[in-house]
């Protein structure tokens, strides 16, 4: 199965691809377009991605993050939280 376990083994996992495109695209935009300094950890085998910000986000960066969260929540509603859960943790 794919990382999201939506597709059968050996088939492309569209949910995993959508989440990957959104998250990696947002991280790239934060770095290249907004100029944010980030520390990222990722594991392609497990689908894990962690992004730490080195400073308080700029307004445009907050907008990028809000847009990503909005899109992920829409995917979760569409396909169900069995495949994607969006959780917030205050740190």
PDB file of N, CA and C in Angstrom:
ATOM      1  N   UNK A   1       0.832  -1.186   0.000  1.00  0.00           N
ATOM      2  CA  UNK A   1       0.000   0.000   0.000  1.00  0.00           C
ATOM      3  C   UNK A   1       0.872   1.245   0.000  1.00  0.00           C
ATOM      4  N   UNK A   2       0.293   2.359  -0.433  1.00  0.00           N
ATOM      5  CA  UNK A   2       1.005   3.629  -0.390  1.00  0.00           C
ATOM      6  C   UNK A   2       1.002   4.198   1.007  1.00  0.00           C
ATOM      7  N   UNK A   3       1.661   5.303   1.188  1.00  0.00           N
ATOM      8  CA  UNK A   3       1.766   5.913   2.514  1.00  0.00           C
ATOM      9  C   UNK A   3       0.406   6.225   3.125  1.00  0.00           C
ATOM     10  N   UNK A   4      -0.538   6.636   2.313  1.00  0.00           N
ATOM     11  CA  UNK A   4      -1.868   6.967   2.834  1.00  0.00           C
ATOM     12  C   UNK A   4      -2.741   5.721   2.948  1.00  0.00           C
ATOM     13  N   UNK A   5      -2.271   4.615   2.399  1.00  0.00           N
ATOM     14  CA  UNK A   5      -3.007   3.348   2.384  1.00  0.00           C
ATOM     15  C   UNK A   5      -4.350   3.465   1.656  1.00  0.00           C
ATOM     16  N   UNK A   6      -4.411   4.379   0.698  1.00  0.00           N
ATOM     17  CA  UNK A   6      -5.636   4.551  -0.083  1.00  0.00           C
ATOM     18  C   UNK A   6      -5.647   3.592  -1.273  1.00  0.00           C
ATOM     19  N   UNK A   7      -4.499   3.474  -1.947  1.00  0.00           N
ATOM     20  CA  UNK A   7      -4.412   2.613  -3.123  1.00  0.00           C
ATOM     21  C   UNK A   7      -3.987   1.200  -2.729  1.00  0.00           C
ATOM     22  N   UNK A   8      -4.337   0.244  -3.562  1.00  0.00           N
ATOM     23  CA  UNK A   8      -3.902  -1.135  -3.348  1.00  0.00           C
ATOM     24  C   UNK A   8      -2.415  -1.246  -3.663  1.00  0.00           C
ATOM     25  N   UNK A   9      -1.787  -2.243  -3.077  1.00  0.00           N
ATOM     26  CA  UNK A   9      -0.361  -2.464  -3.257  1.00  0.00           C
ATOM     27  C   UNK A   9      -0.020  -2.520  -4.750  1.00  0.00           C
ATOM     28  N   UNK A  10       1.021  -1.774  -5.123  1.00  0.00           N
ATOM     29  CA  UNK A  10       1.459  -1.743  -6.511  1.00  0.00           C
ATOM     30  C   UNK A  10       0.792  -0.680  -7.356  1.00  0.00           C
ATOM     31  N   UNK A  11      -0.220  -0.024  -6.817  1.00  0.00           N
ATOM     32  CA  UNK A  11      -0.937   1.037  -7.541  1.00  0.00           C
ATOM     33  C   UNK A  11      -0.510   2.397  -6.992  1.00  0.00           C
ATOM     34  N   UNK A  12      -0.538   3.435  -7.828  1.00  0.00           N
ATOM     35  CA  UNK A  12      -0.199   4.775  -7.336  1.00  0.00           C
ATOM     36  C   UNK A  12      -1.198   5.238  -6.274  1.00  0.00           C
ATOM     37  N   UNK A  13      -0.693   5.819  -5.227  1.00  0.00           N
ATOM     38  CA  UNK A  13      -1.535   6.314  -4.132  1.00  0.00           C
ATOM     39  C   UNK A  13      -1.778   7.806  -4.360  1.00  0.00           C
ATOM     40  N   UNK A  14      -2.969   8.136  -4.894  1.00  0.00           N
ATOM     41  CA  UNK A  14      -3.248   9.533  -5.235  1.00  0.00           C
ATOM     42  C   UNK A  14      -3.305  10.426  -4.006  1.00  0.00           C
ATOM     43  N   UNK A  15      -3.729   9.868  -2.887  1.00  0.00           N
ATOM     44  CA  UNK A  15      -3.767  10.662  -1.656  1.00  0.00           C
ATOM     45  C   UNK A  15      -2.361  11.024  -1.204  1.00  0.00           C
ATOM     46  N   UNK A  16      -1.478  10.048  -1.229  1.00  0.00           N
ATOM     47  CA  UNK A  16      -0.092  10.302  -0.847  1.00  0.00           C
ATOM     48  C   UNK A  16       0.525  11.336  -1.791  1.00  0.00           C
ATOM     49  N   UNK A  17       0.257  11.201  -3.073  1.00  0.00           N
ATOM     50  CA  UNK A  17       0.799  12.147  -4.051  1.00  0.00           C
ATOM     51  C   UNK A  17       0.266  13.557  -3.814  1.00  0.00           C
ATOM     52  N   UNK A  18      -1.023  13.674  -3.506  1.00  0.00           N
ATOM     53  CA  UNK A  18      -1.622  14.993  -3.262  1.00  0.00           C
ATOM     54  C   UNK A  18      -1.027  15.646  -2.017  1.00  0.00           C
ATOM     55  N   UNK A  19      -0.924  14.868  -0.947  1.00  0.00           N
ATOM     56  CA  UNK A  19      -0.364  15.403   0.303  1.00  0.00           C
ATOM     57  C   UNK A  19       1.100  15.775   0.109  1.00  0.00           C
ATOM     58  N   UNK A  20       1.845  14.940  -0.589  1.00  0.00           N
ATOM     59  CA  UNK A  20       3.256  15.236  -0.860  1.00  0.00           C
ATOM     60  C   UNK A  20       3.408  16.519  -1.669  1.00  0.00           C
ATOM     61  N   UNK A  21       2.597  16.661  -2.705  1.00  0.00           N
ATOM     62  CA  UNK A  21       2.672  17.865  -3.539  1.00  0.00           C
ATOM     63  C   UNK A  21       2.365  19.120  -2.726  1.00  0.00           C
ATOM     64  N   UNK A  22       1.343  19.052  -1.889  1.00  0.00           N
ATOM     65  CA  UNK A  22       0.975  20.205  -1.067  1.00  0.00           C
ATOM     66  C   UNK A  22       2.061  20.557  -0.047  1.00  0.00           C
ATOM     67  N   UNK A  23       2.540  19.555   0.673  1.00  0.00           N
ATOM     68  CA  UNK A  23       3.489  19.834   1.754  1.00  0.00           C
ATOM     69  C   UNK A  23       4.861  20.232   1.215  1.00  0.00           C
ATOM     70  N   UNK A  24       5.370  19.484   0.254  1.00  0.00           N
ATOM     71  CA  UNK A  24       6.685  19.807  -0.295  1.00  0.00           C
ATOM     72  C   UNK A  24       6.632  21.120  -1.065  1.00  0.00           C
ATOM     73  N   UNK A  25       5.547  21.351  -1.788  1.00  0.00           N
ATOM     74  CA  UNK A  25       5.381  22.624  -2.495  1.00  0.00           C
ATOM     75  C   UNK A  25       5.343  23.805  -1.543  1.00  0.00           C
ATOM     76  N   UNK A  26       4.674  23.632  -0.413  1.00  0.00           N
ATOM     77  CA  UNK A  26       4.611  24.705   0.583  1.00  0.00           C
ATOM     78  C   UNK A  26       5.979  24.955   1.203  1.00  0.00           C
ATOM     79  N   UNK A  27       6.692  23.895   1.558  1.00  0.00           N
ATOM     80  CA  UNK A  27       8.039  24.059   2.128  1.00  0.00           C
ATOM     81  C   UNK A  27       8.951  24.778   1.133  1.00  0.00           C
ATOM     82  N   UNK A  28       8.901  24.365  -0.129  1.00  0.00           N
ATOM     83  CA  UNK A  28       9.721  25.028  -1.153  1.00  0.00           C
ATOM     84  C   UNK A  28       9.346  26.495  -1.313  1.00  0.00           C
ATOM     85  N   UNK A  29       8.051  26.789  -1.293  1.00  0.00           N
ATOM     86  CA  UNK A  29       7.593  28.178  -1.413  1.00  0.00           C
ATOM     87  C   UNK A  29       8.016  29.012  -0.211  1.00  0.00           C
ATOM     88  N   UNK A  30       7.934  28.422   0.971  1.00  0.00           N
ATOM     89  CA  UNK A  30       8.369  29.143   2.181  1.00  0.00           C
ATOM     90  C   UNK A  30       9.845  29.529   2.085  1.00  0.00           C
ATOM     91  N   UNK A  31      10.650  28.607   1.586  1.00  0.00           N
ATOM     92  CA  UNK A  31      12.087  28.878   1.473  1.00  0.00           C
ATOM     93  C   UNK A  31      12.412  29.838   0.329  1.00  0.00           C
ATOM     94  N   UNK A  32      11.925  29.520  -0.860  1.00  0.00           N
ATOM     95  CA  UNK A  32      12.331  30.258  -2.059  1.00  0.00           C
ATOM     96  C   UNK A  32      11.558  31.553  -2.282  1.00  0.00           C
ATOM     97  N   UNK A  33      10.255  31.550  -2.047  1.00  0.00           N
ATOM     98  CA  UNK A  33       9.444  32.731  -2.315  1.00  0.00           C
ATOM     99  C   UNK A  33       9.340  33.671  -1.118  1.00  0.00           C
ATOM    100  N   UNK A  34       9.246  33.086   0.078  1.00  0.00           N
ATOM    101  CA  UNK A  34       9.088  33.914   1.277  1.00  0.00           C
ATOM    102  C   UNK A  34      10.412  34.166   1.989  1.00  0.00           C
ATOM    103  N   UNK A  35      11.458  33.416   1.627  1.00  0.00           N
ATOM    104  CA  UNK A  35      12.763  33.633   2.234  1.00  0.00           C
ATOM    105  C   UNK A  35      12.898  33.128   3.660  1.00  0.00           C
ATOM    106  N   UNK A  36      12.042  32.188   4.056  1.00  0.00           N
ATOM    107  CA  UNK A  36      12.101  31.655   5.418  1.00  0.00           C
ATOM    108  C   UNK A  36      13.307  30.727   5.579  1.00  0.00           C
ATOM    109  N   UNK A  37      13.873  30.729   6.756  1.00  0.00           N
ATOM    110  CA  UNK A  37      14.938  29.794   7.114  1.00  0.00           C
ATOM    111  C   UNK A  37      14.278  28.615   7.819  1.00  0.00           C
ATOM    112  N   UNK A  38      14.441  27.421   7.253  1.00  0.00           N
ATOM    113  CA  UNK A  38      13.763  26.238   7.770  1.00  0.00           C
ATOM    114  C   UNK A  38      14.761  25.117   8.029  1.00  0.00           C
ATOM    115  N   UNK A  39      14.400  24.262   8.966  1.00  0.00           N
ATOM    116  CA  UNK A  39      15.100  23.000   9.187  1.00  0.00           C
ATOM    117  C   UNK A  39      14.089  21.901   8.896  1.00  0.00           C
ATOM    118  N   UNK A  40      14.401  21.054   7.930  1.00  0.00           N
ATOM    119  CA  UNK A  40      13.464  19.996   7.569  1.00  0.00           C
ATOM    120  C   UNK A  40      14.086  18.620   7.787  1.00  0.00           C
ATOM    121  N   UNK A  41      13.244  17.697   8.155  1.00  0.00           N
ATOM    122  CA  UNK A  41      13.603  16.286   8.269  1.00  0.00           C
ATOM    123  C   UNK A  41      12.550  15.531   7.472  1.00  0.00           C
ATOM    124  N   UNK A  42      12.999  14.628   6.623  1.00  0.00           N
ATOM    125  CA  UNK A  42      12.031  13.848   5.857  1.00  0.00           C
ATOM    126  C   UNK A  42      12.521  12.421   5.668  1.00  0.00           C
ATOM    127  N   UNK A  43      11.561  11.529   5.508  1.00  0.00           N
ATOM    128  CA  UNK A  43      11.843  10.134   5.246  1.00  0.00           C
ATOM    129  C   UNK A  43      10.893   9.696   4.145  1.00  0.00           C
ATOM    130  N   UNK A  44      11.412   9.504   2.955  1.00  0.00           N
ATOM    131  CA  UNK A  44      10.569   9.156   1.810  1.00  0.00           C
ATOM    132  C   UNK A  44       9.913   7.792   1.961  1.00  0.00           C
ATOM    133  N   UNK A  45      10.562   6.865   2.658  1.00  0.00           N
ATOM    134  CA  UNK A  45       9.980   5.530   2.831  1.00  0.00           C
ATOM    135  C   UNK A  45       8.718   5.561   3.675  1.00  0.00           C
ATOM    136  N   UNK A  46       8.718   6.384   4.721  1.00  0.00           N
ATOM    137  CA  UNK A  46       7.556   6.441   5.620  1.00  0.00           C
ATOM    138  C   UNK A  46       6.615   7.590   5.285  1.00  0.00           C
ATOM    139  N   UNK A  47       7.072   8.542   4.481  1.00  0.00           N
ATOM    140  CA  UNK A  47       6.262   9.709   4.156  1.00  0.00           C
ATOM    141  C   UNK A  47       6.337  10.801   5.208  1.00  0.00           C
ATOM    142  N   UNK A  48       7.299  10.691   6.125  1.00  0.00           N
ATOM    143  CA  UNK A  48       7.429  11.654   7.226  1.00  0.00           C
ATOM    144  C   UNK A  48       8.069  12.945   6.729  1.00  0.00           C
ATOM    145  N   UNK A  49       7.519  14.084   7.160  1.00  0.00           N
ATOM    146  CA  UNK A  49       8.093  15.399   6.872  1.00  0.00           C
ATOM    147  C   UNK A  49       7.898  16.281   8.092  1.00  0.00           C
ATOM    148  N   UNK A  50       8.999  16.816   8.598  1.00  0.00           N
ATOM    149  CA  UNK A  50       8.952  17.753   9.725  1.00  0.00           C
ATOM    150  C   UNK A  50       9.662  19.022   9.281  1.00  0.00           C
ATOM    151  N   UNK A  51       9.064  20.148   9.612  1.00  0.00           N
ATOM    152  CA  UNK A  51       9.620  21.444   9.224  1.00  0.00           C
ATOM    153  C   UNK A  51       9.618  22.357  10.442  1.00  0.00           C
ATOM    154  N   UNK A  52      10.793  22.796  10.859  1.00  0.00           N
ATOM    155  CA  UNK A  52      10.924  23.737  11.974  1.00  0.00           C
ATOM    156  C   UNK A  52      11.322  25.098  11.427  1.00  0.00           C
ATOM    157  N   UNK A  53      10.669  26.118  11.933  1.00  0.00           N
ATOM    158  CA  UNK A  53      10.960  27.488  11.510  1.00  0.00           C
ATOM    159  C   UNK A  53      11.965  28.104  12.471  1.00  0.00           C
ATOM    160  N   UNK A  54      12.927  28.831  11.935  1.00  0.00           N
ATOM    161  CA  UNK A  54      13.964  29.435  12.764  1.00  0.00           C
ATOM    162  C   UNK A  54      13.534  30.764  13.375  1.00  0.00           C
ATOM    163  N   UNK A  55      12.414  31.312  12.919  1.00  0.00           N
ATOM    164  CA  UNK A  55      11.927  32.582  13.466  1.00  0.00           C
ATOM    165  C   UNK A  55      10.412  32.644  13.313  1.00  0.00           C
ATOM    166  N   UNK A  56       9.819  33.714  13.807  1.00  0.00           N
ATOM    167  CA  UNK A  56       8.378  33.926  13.672  1.00  0.00           C
ATOM    168  C   UNK A  56       8.060  34.109  12.186  1.00  0.00           C
ATOM    169  N   UNK A  57       6.972  33.502  11.757  1.00  0.00           N
ATOM    170  CA  UNK A  57       6.603  33.568  10.345  1.00  0.00           C
ATOM    171  C   UNK A  57       6.196  34.971   9.919  1.00  0.00           C
ATOM    172  N   UNK A  58       6.573  35.316   8.704  1.00  0.00           N
ATOM    173  CA  UNK A  58       6.110  36.545   8.083  1.00  0.00           C
ATOM    174  C   UNK A  58       4.643  36.371   7.695  1.00  0.00           C
ATOM    175  N   UNK A  59       3.981  37.467   7.402  1.00  0.00           N
ATOM    176  CA  UNK A  59       2.567  37.410   7.033  1.00  0.00           C
ATOM    177  C   UNK A  59       2.344  36.537   5.797  1.00  0.00           C
ATOM    178  N   UNK A  60       3.200  36.693   4.779  1.00  0.00           N
ATOM    179  CA  UNK A  60       3.019  35.889   3.571  1.00  0.00           C
ATOM    180  C   UNK A  60       3.275  34.407   3.845  1.00  0.00           C
ATOM    181  N   UNK A  61       4.146  34.104   4.769  1.00  0.00           N
ATOM    182  CA  UNK A  61       4.416  32.711   5.131  1.00  0.00           C
ATOM    183  C   UNK A  61       3.231  32.108   5.866  1.00  0.00           C
ATOM    184  N   UNK A  62       2.617  32.877   6.740  1.00  0.00           N
ATOM    185  CA  UNK A  62       1.414  32.413   7.441  1.00  0.00           C
ATOM    186  C   UNK A  62       0.306  32.118   6.441  1.00  0.00           C
ATOM    187  N   UNK A  63       0.191  32.950   5.414  1.00  0.00           N
ATOM    188  CA  UNK A  63      -0.808  32.730   4.370  1.00  0.00           C
ATOM    189  C   UNK A  63      -0.532  31.413   3.640  1.00  0.00           C
ATOM    190  N   UNK A  64       0.725  31.142   3.312  1.00  0.00           N
ATOM    191  CA  UNK A  64       1.083  29.886   2.652  1.00  0.00           C
ATOM    192  C   UNK A  64       0.716  28.683   3.527  1.00  0.00           C
ATOM    193  N   UNK A  65       1.010  28.789   4.812  1.00  0.00           N
ATOM    194  CA  UNK A  65       0.683  27.703   5.740  1.00  0.00           C
ATOM    195  C   UNK A  65      -0.829  27.523   5.851  1.00  0.00           C
ATOM    196  N   UNK A  66      -1.566  28.631   5.957  1.00  0.00           N
ATOM    197  CA  UNK A  66      -3.033  28.554   6.027  1.00  0.00           C
ATOM    198  C   UNK A  66      -3.605  27.896   4.772  1.00  0.00           C
ATOM    199  N   UNK A  67      -3.040  28.222   3.625  1.00  0.00           N
ATOM    200  CA  UNK A  67      -3.495  27.645   2.365  1.00  0.00           C
ATOM    201  C   UNK A  67      -3.250  26.140   2.338  1.00  0.00           C
ATOM    202  N   UNK A  68      -2.074  25.708   2.801  1.00  0.00           N
ATOM    203  CA  UNK A  68      -1.770  24.278   2.845  1.00  0.00           C
ATOM    204  C   UNK A  68      -2.731  23.554   3.781  1.00  0.00           C
ATOM    205  N   UNK A  69      -2.945  24.109   4.956  1.00  0.00           N
ATOM    206  CA  UNK A  69      -3.839  23.491   5.939  1.00  0.00           C
ATOM    207  C   UNK A  69      -5.260  23.409   5.385  1.00  0.00           C
ATOM    208  N   UNK A  70      -5.726  24.485   4.769  1.00  0.00           N
ATOM    209  CA  UNK A  70      -7.058  24.503   4.153  1.00  0.00           C
ATOM    210  C   UNK A  70      -7.195  23.365   3.142  1.00  0.00           C
ATOM    211  N   UNK A  71      -6.192  23.196   2.294  1.00  0.00           N
ATOM    212  CA  UNK A  71      -6.230  22.151   1.267  1.00  0.00           C
ATOM    213  C   UNK A  71      -6.173  20.761   1.880  1.00  0.00           C
ATOM    214  N   UNK A  72      -5.330  20.562   2.889  1.00  0.00           N
ATOM    215  CA  UNK A  72      -5.242  19.259   3.545  1.00  0.00           C
ATOM    216  C   UNK A  72      -6.556  18.907   4.250  1.00  0.00           C
ATOM    217  N   UNK A  73      -7.169  19.889   4.897  1.00  0.00           N
ATOM    218  CA  UNK A  73      -8.455  19.637   5.556  1.00  0.00           C
ATOM    219  C   UNK A  73      -9.530  19.270   4.535  1.00  0.00           C
ATOM    220  N   UNK A  74      -9.506  19.906   3.368  1.00  0.00           N
ATOM    221  CA  UNK A  74     -10.465  19.562   2.317  1.00  0.00           C
ATOM    222  C   UNK A  74     -10.263  18.134   1.823  1.00  0.00           C
ATOM    223  N   UNK A  75      -9.012  17.724   1.659  1.00  0.00           N
ATOM    224  CA  UNK A  75      -8.726  16.345   1.249  1.00  0.00           C
ATOM    225  C   UNK A  75      -9.228  15.375   2.313  1.00  0.00           C
ATOM    226  N   UNK A  76      -8.992  15.699   3.570  1.00  0.00           N
ATOM    227  CA  UNK A  76      -9.435  14.836   4.666  1.00  0.00           C
ATOM    228  C   UNK A  76     -10.954  14.695   4.671  1.00  0.00           C
ATOM    229  N   UNK A  77     -11.667  15.786   4.450  1.00  0.00           N
ATOM    230  CA  UNK A  77     -13.139  15.721   4.392  1.00  0.00           C
ATOM    231  C   UNK A  77     -13.599  14.888   3.196  1.00  0.00           C
ATOM    232  N   UNK A  78     -12.929  15.054   2.069  1.00  0.00           N
ATOM    233  CA  UNK A  78     -13.322  14.361   0.843  1.00  0.00           C
ATOM    234  C   UNK A  78     -13.091  12.851   0.932  1.00  0.00           C
ATOM    235  N   UNK A  79     -11.942  12.443   1.453  1.00  0.00           N
ATOM    236  CA  UNK A  79     -11.572  11.024   1.455  1.00  0.00           C
ATOM    237  C   UNK A  79     -11.746  10.354   2.819  1.00  0.00           C
ATOM    238  N   UNK A  80     -11.968  11.135   3.851  1.00  0.00           N
ATOM    239  CA  UNK A  80     -12.193  10.581   5.179  1.00  0.00           C
ATOM    240  C   UNK A  80     -10.930  10.543   6.024  1.00  0.00           C
ATOM    241  N   UNK A  81     -11.146  10.650   7.336  1.00  0.00           N
ATOM    242  CA  UNK A  81      -9.997  10.692   8.238  1.00  0.00           C
ATOM    243  C   UNK A  81      -9.346   9.326   8.434  1.00  0.00           C
ATOM    244  N   UNK A  82      -9.904   8.310   7.793  1.00  0.00           N
ATOM    245  CA  UNK A  82      -9.224   7.015   7.797  1.00  0.00           C
ATOM    246  C   UNK A  82      -7.891   7.125   7.058  1.00  0.00           C
ATOM    247  N   UNK A  83      -7.856   7.996   6.049  1.00  0.00           N
ATOM    248  CA  UNK A  83      -6.670   8.139   5.211  1.00  0.00           C
ATOM    249  C   UNK A  83      -5.835   9.370   5.543  1.00  0.00           C
ATOM    250  N   UNK A  84      -6.469  10.423   6.017  1.00  0.00           N
ATOM    251  CA  UNK A  84      -5.742  11.660   6.327  1.00  0.00           C
ATOM    252  C   UNK A  84      -6.405  12.351   7.497  1.00  0.00           C
ATOM    253  N   UNK A  85      -5.616  12.593   8.520  1.00  0.00           N
ATOM    254  CA  UNK A  85      -6.083  13.340   9.684  1.00  0.00           C
ATOM    255  C   UNK A  85      -5.187  14.565   9.818  1.00  0.00           C
ATOM    256  N   UNK A  86      -5.810  15.717   9.958  1.00  0.00           N
ATOM    257  CA  UNK A  86      -5.074  16.961  10.183  1.00  0.00           C
ATOM    258  C   UNK A  86      -5.195  17.284  11.646  1.00  0.00           C
ATOM    259  N   UNK A  87      -4.058  17.297  12.340  1.00  0.00           N
ATOM    260  CA  UNK A  87      -4.038  17.562  13.772  1.00  0.00           C
ATOM    261  C   UNK A  87      -3.117  18.740  14.048  1.00  0.00           C
ATOM    262  N   UNK A  88      -3.472  19.511  15.071  1.00  0.00           N
ATOM    263  CA  UNK A  88      -2.666  20.666  15.464  1.00  0.00           C
ATOM    264  C   UNK A  88      -2.074  20.395  16.833  1.00  0.00           C
ATOM    265  N   UNK A  89      -0.820  20.777  16.984  1.00  0.00           N
ATOM    266  CA  UNK A  89      -0.133  20.612  18.258  1.00  0.00           C
ATOM    267  C   UNK A  89       0.610  21.911  18.568  1.00  0.00           C
ATOM    268  N   UNK A  90       0.298  22.475  19.702  1.00  0.00           N
ATOM    269  CA  UNK A  90       0.976  23.701  20.107  1.00  0.00           C
ATOM    270  C   UNK A  90       2.302  23.336  20.743  1.00  0.00           C
ATOM    271  N   UNK A  91       3.340  24.002  20.280  1.00  0.00           N
ATOM    272  CA  UNK A  91       4.682  23.732  20.827  1.00  0.00           C
ATOM    273  C   UNK A  91       5.312  25.012  21.346  1.00  0.00           C
TER     274      UNK A  91
END
